[in-house]
Structure formats: structure tokens, C-alpha cells
Amino acid sequence: MSRIEALKLWSELRQKGWQA
């Protein structure tokens, strides 16, 4: 997985309120 894809996934998760 590339960094761009990882950041994209992270952004979606954070929008749902799931922060690590």
C-alpha cells in the first residue's frame, strides 16, 4: 500500500470519528 492510499484511508476513518 502506498502512502497516498494510506493517508486517504486514514482521512476517511478520521471523518467517521475513529482517531488513533
C-alpha atoms as a PDB file:
ATOM      1  CA  MET A   1       0.000   0.000   0.000  1.00  0.00           C
ATOM      2  CA  SER A   2       1.337   3.414  -0.909  1.00  0.00           C
ATOM      3  CA  ARG A   3       1.462   6.343   1.491  1.00  0.00           C
ATOM      4  CA  ILE A   4      -1.143   8.197  -0.535  1.00  0.00           C
ATOM      5  CA  GLU A   5      -3.599   5.323  -0.236  1.00  0.00           C
ATOM      6  CA  ALA A   6      -2.876   5.006   3.478  1.00  0.00           C
ATOM      7  CA  LEU A   7      -3.466   8.716   4.050  1.00  0.00           C
ATOM      8  CA  LYS A   8      -6.655   8.512   2.043  1.00  0.00           C
ATOM      9  CA  LEU A   9      -7.901   5.650   4.187  1.00  0.00           C
ATOM     10  CA  TRP A  10      -6.880   7.435   7.385  1.00  0.00           C
ATOM     11  CA  SER A  11      -8.743  10.566   6.325  1.00  0.00           C
ATOM     12  CA  GLU A  12     -11.946   8.606   5.794  1.00  0.00           C
ATOM     13  CA  LEU A  13     -11.614   6.890   9.159  1.00  0.00           C
ATOM     14  CA  ARG A  14     -10.984  10.187  10.949  1.00  0.00           C
ATOM     15  CA  GLN A  15     -14.061  11.698   9.323  1.00  0.00           C
ATOM     16  CA  LYS A  16     -16.105   8.886  10.876  1.00  0.00           C
ATOM     17  CA  GLY A  17     -14.729   9.825  14.284  1.00  0.00           C
ATOM     18  CA  TRP A  18     -12.249   6.946  14.569  1.00  0.00           C
ATOM     19  CA  GLN A  19      -8.983   8.517  15.618  1.00  0.00           C
ATOM     20  CA  ALA A  20      -5.883   6.659  16.780  1.00  0.00           C
END
